[in-house]
Structure formats: structure tokens, C-alpha cells
């Protein structure tokens, strides 16, 4: 399996809104993507930081998602709560 890990800085006071967007607008779409396995979204209220981790069955599934228009559309849903550009990386799920 493979993971996409994205670090984001949310605007002050926007953590709860970011969580709501991920839960209500992003998760339902992710669940429909080929190879998608799970999503985690970690937040720090005091620093307004968040880490999004989504797990994919294959690297090809992850790559297809990253390059699909739906990825940019989903990131756009968070644009109003982000304080800066997200930084994402791919990882192999080793354990």
C-alpha cells in the first residue's frame, strides 16, 4: 500500500472548518476513487496545523488520483481555510 501525506497550515480559527470540509466534502469523493483505502486528518488547534494521510492500494492508484482533475477540485474546497500551499509527499506503507 501507499500513502499520500500532506502537511497544511490552516488560517487561525479555521481548524474546525477544515475538519468539516474534509469530513463532508472530501471524504465522500475519496471513498469513490479506485484503490482508496482510508483517510486520516490530524489537527493541532493551538498551531492551526494539520496533516492529511490517505492510503491507497497501489502506487498507480495514488498517482492516478494525484494527477486527476478531481484532486485539484478537492484541494480547492480547502482553499478558503488554508494559510499557505500544502506540502505533499508519497510514502510506501511498510508496516
N, C-alpha and C. Protein backbone atom coordinates (compact mmCIF):
# COMPACT_ATOMS: atom_id res chain seq x y z
N UNK A 1 0.84 -1.17 0.00
CA UNK A 1 0.00 0.00 0.00
C UNK A 1 0.89 1.24 0.00
N UNK A 2 0.25 2.36 -0.34
CA UNK A 2 0.97 3.62 -0.46
C UNK A 2 0.18 4.73 0.22
N UNK A 3 0.91 5.74 0.69
CA UNK A 3 0.27 6.84 1.41
C UNK A 3 0.66 8.17 0.78
N UNK A 4 -0.29 9.08 0.79
CA UNK A 4 -0.03 10.47 0.45
C UNK A 4 -0.16 11.24 1.75
N UNK A 5 0.91 11.90 2.14
CA UNK A 5 0.95 12.67 3.38
C UNK A 5 1.06 14.15 3.00
N UNK A 6 0.10 14.93 3.48
CA UNK A 6 0.06 16.35 3.14
C UNK A 6 0.04 17.16 4.43
N UNK A 7 1.02 18.05 4.57
CA UNK A 7 1.08 18.97 5.70
C UNK A 7 0.45 20.29 5.26
N UNK A 8 -0.46 20.80 6.08
CA UNK A 8 -1.11 22.06 5.76
C UNK A 8 -1.09 22.99 6.95
N UNK A 9 -1.04 24.26 6.66
CA UNK A 9 -1.19 25.30 7.68
C UNK A 9 -2.53 25.94 7.44
N UNK A 10 -3.40 25.84 8.44
CA UNK A 10 -4.73 26.43 8.32
C UNK A 10 -4.71 27.85 8.88
N UNK A 11 -5.63 28.65 8.42
CA UNK A 11 -5.76 30.01 8.93
C UNK A 11 -6.19 29.95 10.40
N UNK A 12 -5.77 30.93 11.20
CA UNK A 12 -6.18 30.95 12.60
C UNK A 12 -7.70 30.86 12.74
N UNK A 13 -8.13 29.98 13.63
CA UNK A 13 -9.55 29.82 13.88
C UNK A 13 -10.30 28.99 12.85
N UNK A 14 -9.58 28.39 11.89
CA UNK A 14 -10.25 27.65 10.81
C UNK A 14 -10.07 26.13 10.90
N UNK A 15 -9.53 25.64 12.01
CA UNK A 15 -9.29 24.20 12.13
C UNK A 15 -10.60 23.41 12.06
N UNK A 16 -11.60 23.83 12.83
CA UNK A 16 -12.87 23.10 12.83
C UNK A 16 -13.53 23.13 11.46
N UNK A 17 -13.43 24.25 10.76
CA UNK A 17 -14.00 24.34 9.42
C UNK A 17 -13.25 23.41 8.46
N UNK A 18 -11.93 23.35 8.61
CA UNK A 18 -11.13 22.43 7.78
C UNK A 18 -11.54 20.99 8.01
N UNK A 19 -11.75 20.61 9.27
CA UNK A 19 -12.20 19.26 9.59
C UNK A 19 -13.55 18.98 8.95
N UNK A 20 -14.45 19.94 9.05
CA UNK A 20 -15.78 19.78 8.46
C UNK A 20 -15.71 19.59 6.95
N UNK A 21 -14.87 20.36 6.28
CA UNK A 21 -14.72 20.25 4.82
C UNK A 21 -14.19 18.87 4.46
N UNK A 22 -13.17 18.41 5.18
CA UNK A 22 -12.62 17.08 4.90
C UNK A 22 -13.69 16.02 5.11
N UNK A 23 -14.41 16.09 6.21
CA UNK A 23 -15.41 15.07 6.53
C UNK A 23 -16.58 15.09 5.54
N UNK A 24 -17.09 16.27 5.23
CA UNK A 24 -18.33 16.37 4.46
C UNK A 24 -18.13 16.47 2.94
N UNK A 25 -17.06 17.10 2.51
CA UNK A 25 -16.88 17.34 1.07
C UNK A 25 -15.78 16.51 0.42
N UNK A 26 -14.76 16.15 1.19
CA UNK A 26 -13.63 15.44 0.59
C UNK A 26 -13.75 13.93 0.78
N UNK A 27 -14.05 13.49 1.99
CA UNK A 27 -14.13 12.04 2.25
C UNK A 27 -15.10 11.30 1.32
N UNK A 28 -16.32 11.80 1.11
CA UNK A 28 -17.23 11.07 0.23
C UNK A 28 -16.67 10.87 -1.19
N UNK A 29 -15.92 11.85 -1.67
CA UNK A 29 -15.33 11.74 -3.01
C UNK A 29 -14.16 10.77 -2.98
N UNK A 30 -13.31 10.86 -1.97
CA UNK A 30 -12.18 9.93 -1.86
C UNK A 30 -12.65 8.49 -1.83
N UNK A 31 -13.72 8.25 -1.09
CA UNK A 31 -14.23 6.88 -0.95
C UNK A 31 -14.68 6.27 -2.28
N UNK A 32 -14.91 7.11 -3.28
CA UNK A 32 -15.33 6.63 -4.59
C UNK A 32 -14.15 6.40 -5.55
N UNK A 33 -12.93 6.77 -5.13
CA UNK A 33 -11.77 6.67 -6.01
C UNK A 33 -11.20 5.26 -6.02
N UNK A 34 -10.79 4.81 -7.19
CA UNK A 34 -10.21 3.48 -7.35
C UNK A 34 -8.97 3.34 -6.47
N UNK A 35 -8.94 2.30 -5.66
CA UNK A 35 -7.78 1.99 -4.84
C UNK A 35 -7.71 2.72 -3.51
N UNK A 36 -8.63 3.64 -3.25
CA UNK A 36 -8.62 4.37 -1.97
C UNK A 36 -8.96 3.41 -0.84
N UNK A 37 -8.18 3.48 0.26
CA UNK A 37 -8.40 2.60 1.41
C UNK A 37 -8.86 3.36 2.65
N UNK A 38 -8.19 4.44 3.00
CA UNK A 38 -8.59 5.17 4.22
C UNK A 38 -7.99 6.57 4.23
N UNK A 39 -8.54 7.39 5.12
CA UNK A 39 -8.12 8.78 5.28
C UNK A 39 -7.97 9.09 6.76
N UNK A 40 -6.91 9.79 7.11
CA UNK A 40 -6.71 10.30 8.46
C UNK A 40 -6.45 11.79 8.35
N UNK A 41 -6.97 12.56 9.29
CA UNK A 41 -6.75 14.00 9.28
C UNK A 41 -6.46 14.42 10.72
N UNK A 42 -5.21 14.78 10.96
CA UNK A 42 -4.75 15.15 12.30
C UNK A 42 -4.66 16.67 12.38
N UNK A 43 -5.08 17.24 13.49
CA UNK A 43 -5.04 18.69 13.64
C UNK A 43 -4.45 19.10 14.98
N UNK A 44 -3.92 20.31 15.01
CA UNK A 44 -3.46 20.96 16.24
C UNK A 44 -4.18 22.29 16.35
N UNK A 45 -5.08 22.39 17.30
CA UNK A 45 -5.84 23.63 17.48
C UNK A 45 -4.93 24.82 17.82
N UNK A 46 -3.88 24.57 18.62
CA UNK A 46 -3.05 25.68 19.08
C UNK A 46 -2.11 26.24 18.01
N UNK A 47 -1.75 25.41 17.01
CA UNK A 47 -0.84 25.87 15.96
C UNK A 47 -1.52 26.02 14.61
N UNK A 48 -2.77 25.55 14.51
CA UNK A 48 -3.53 25.57 13.25
C UNK A 48 -2.91 24.70 12.17
N UNK A 49 -2.11 23.72 12.58
CA UNK A 49 -1.51 22.80 11.62
C UNK A 49 -2.38 21.57 11.47
N UNK A 50 -2.28 20.96 10.29
CA UNK A 50 -3.00 19.71 10.04
C UNK A 50 -2.14 18.82 9.16
N UNK A 51 -2.33 17.53 9.32
CA UNK A 51 -1.67 16.53 8.48
C UNK A 51 -2.77 15.61 7.96
N UNK A 52 -2.81 15.49 6.65
CA UNK A 52 -3.75 14.59 6.00
C UNK A 52 -2.98 13.39 5.47
N UNK A 53 -3.45 12.20 5.79
CA UNK A 53 -2.82 10.97 5.28
C UNK A 53 -3.91 10.14 4.64
N UNK A 54 -3.72 9.85 3.34
CA UNK A 54 -4.65 8.92 2.73
C UNK A 54 -3.88 7.73 2.20
N UNK A 55 -4.51 6.57 2.31
CA UNK A 55 -3.88 5.29 1.99
C UNK A 55 -4.51 4.74 0.71
N UNK A 56 -3.64 4.21 -0.15
CA UNK A 56 -4.06 3.70 -1.46
C UNK A 56 -3.55 2.27 -1.64
N UNK A 57 -4.32 1.48 -2.35
CA UNK A 57 -3.98 0.08 -2.60
C UNK A 57 -2.67 -0.05 -3.39
N UNK A 58 -2.53 0.74 -4.47
CA UNK A 58 -1.33 0.65 -5.31
C UNK A 58 -0.76 2.04 -5.57
N UNK A 59 0.49 2.09 -5.93
CA UNK A 59 1.12 3.36 -6.29
C UNK A 59 0.46 3.94 -7.53
N UNK A 60 0.03 3.08 -8.45
CA UNK A 60 -0.65 3.55 -9.66
C UNK A 60 -1.97 4.24 -9.31
N UNK A 61 -2.71 3.68 -8.35
CA UNK A 61 -3.96 4.31 -7.91
C UNK A 61 -3.68 5.69 -7.32
N UNK A 62 -2.66 5.79 -6.50
CA UNK A 62 -2.29 7.06 -5.89
C UNK A 62 -1.87 8.06 -6.96
N UNK A 63 -1.03 7.63 -7.88
CA UNK A 63 -0.56 8.52 -8.95
C UNK A 63 -1.72 9.01 -9.81
N UNK A 64 -2.65 8.11 -10.11
CA UNK A 64 -3.81 8.49 -10.91
C UNK A 64 -4.63 9.56 -10.19
N UNK A 65 -4.80 9.40 -8.89
CA UNK A 65 -5.54 10.39 -8.12
C UNK A 65 -4.82 11.73 -8.10
N UNK A 66 -3.51 11.71 -7.88
CA UNK A 66 -2.74 12.96 -7.79
C UNK A 66 -2.77 13.77 -9.08
N UNK A 67 -2.91 13.10 -10.19
CA UNK A 67 -2.88 13.80 -11.48
C UNK A 67 -4.26 14.04 -12.06
N UNK A 68 -5.29 13.55 -11.40
CA UNK A 68 -6.66 13.71 -11.89
C UNK A 68 -7.20 15.10 -11.55
N UNK A 69 -8.08 15.62 -12.37
CA UNK A 69 -8.69 16.91 -12.07
C UNK A 69 -9.41 16.93 -10.73
N UNK A 70 -9.92 15.79 -10.28
CA UNK A 70 -10.64 15.73 -9.01
C UNK A 70 -9.73 16.11 -7.84
N UNK A 71 -8.44 15.81 -7.94
CA UNK A 71 -7.51 16.18 -6.87
C UNK A 71 -7.46 17.70 -6.70
N UNK A 72 -7.30 18.41 -7.81
CA UNK A 72 -7.26 19.87 -7.75
C UNK A 72 -8.61 20.44 -7.26
N UNK A 73 -9.69 19.80 -7.67
CA UNK A 73 -11.02 20.23 -7.22
C UNK A 73 -11.16 20.07 -5.71
N UNK A 74 -10.72 18.94 -5.18
CA UNK A 74 -10.81 18.71 -3.74
C UNK A 74 -9.93 19.67 -2.96
N UNK A 75 -8.72 19.92 -3.45
CA UNK A 75 -7.84 20.87 -2.78
C UNK A 75 -8.45 22.27 -2.82
N UNK A 76 -9.16 22.58 -3.89
CA UNK A 76 -9.83 23.87 -3.99
C UNK A 76 -10.89 24.07 -2.92
N UNK A 77 -11.50 22.98 -2.47
CA UNK A 77 -12.51 23.07 -1.41
C UNK A 77 -11.90 23.56 -0.11
N UNK A 78 -10.61 23.33 0.08
CA UNK A 78 -9.91 23.76 1.29
C UNK A 78 -9.28 25.14 1.15
N UNK A 79 -9.27 25.68 -0.04
CA UNK A 79 -8.54 26.94 -0.31
C UNK A 79 -8.93 28.06 0.65
N UNK A 80 -10.19 28.14 1.02
CA UNK A 80 -10.64 29.23 1.89
C UNK A 80 -10.19 29.13 3.34
N UNK A 81 -9.62 27.98 3.72
CA UNK A 81 -9.17 27.83 5.11
C UNK A 81 -7.65 27.66 5.21
N UNK A 82 -6.98 27.55 4.08
CA UNK A 82 -5.52 27.35 4.10
C UNK A 82 -4.79 28.67 4.26
N UNK A 83 -3.70 28.64 5.02
CA UNK A 83 -2.86 29.82 5.20
C UNK A 83 -1.69 29.83 4.23
N UNK A 84 -1.48 28.72 3.54
CA UNK A 84 -0.38 28.60 2.59
C UNK A 84 -0.56 27.34 1.77
N UNK A 85 0.33 27.14 0.81
CA UNK A 85 0.19 25.95 -0.03
C UNK A 85 0.50 24.67 0.74
N UNK A 86 -0.26 23.61 0.47
CA UNK A 86 0.01 22.33 1.12
C UNK A 86 1.29 21.71 0.59
N UNK A 87 1.94 20.90 1.43
CA UNK A 87 3.16 20.21 1.02
C UNK A 87 2.91 18.72 1.13
N UNK A 88 2.90 18.03 -0.02
CA UNK A 88 2.59 16.60 -0.02
C UNK A 88 3.74 15.73 -0.47
N UNK A 89 3.76 14.51 0.05
CA UNK A 89 4.77 13.53 -0.32
C UNK A 89 4.12 12.16 -0.37
N UNK A 90 4.74 11.26 -1.13
CA UNK A 90 4.29 9.86 -1.18
C UNK A 90 5.19 9.00 -0.30
N UNK A 91 4.57 8.00 0.30
CA UNK A 91 5.30 7.04 1.11
C UNK A 91 4.81 5.64 0.81
N UNK A 92 5.68 4.66 1.00
CA UNK A 92 5.28 3.26 0.99
C UNK A 92 4.85 2.91 2.42
N UNK A 93 3.71 2.26 2.55
CA UNK A 93 3.27 1.80 3.86
C UNK A 93 4.05 0.52 4.16
N UNK A 94 5.00 0.60 5.05
CA UNK A 94 5.91 -0.52 5.31
C UNK A 94 5.41 -1.48 6.38
N UNK A 95 4.65 -0.98 7.33
CA UNK A 95 4.12 -1.82 8.41
C UNK A 95 2.64 -1.52 8.56
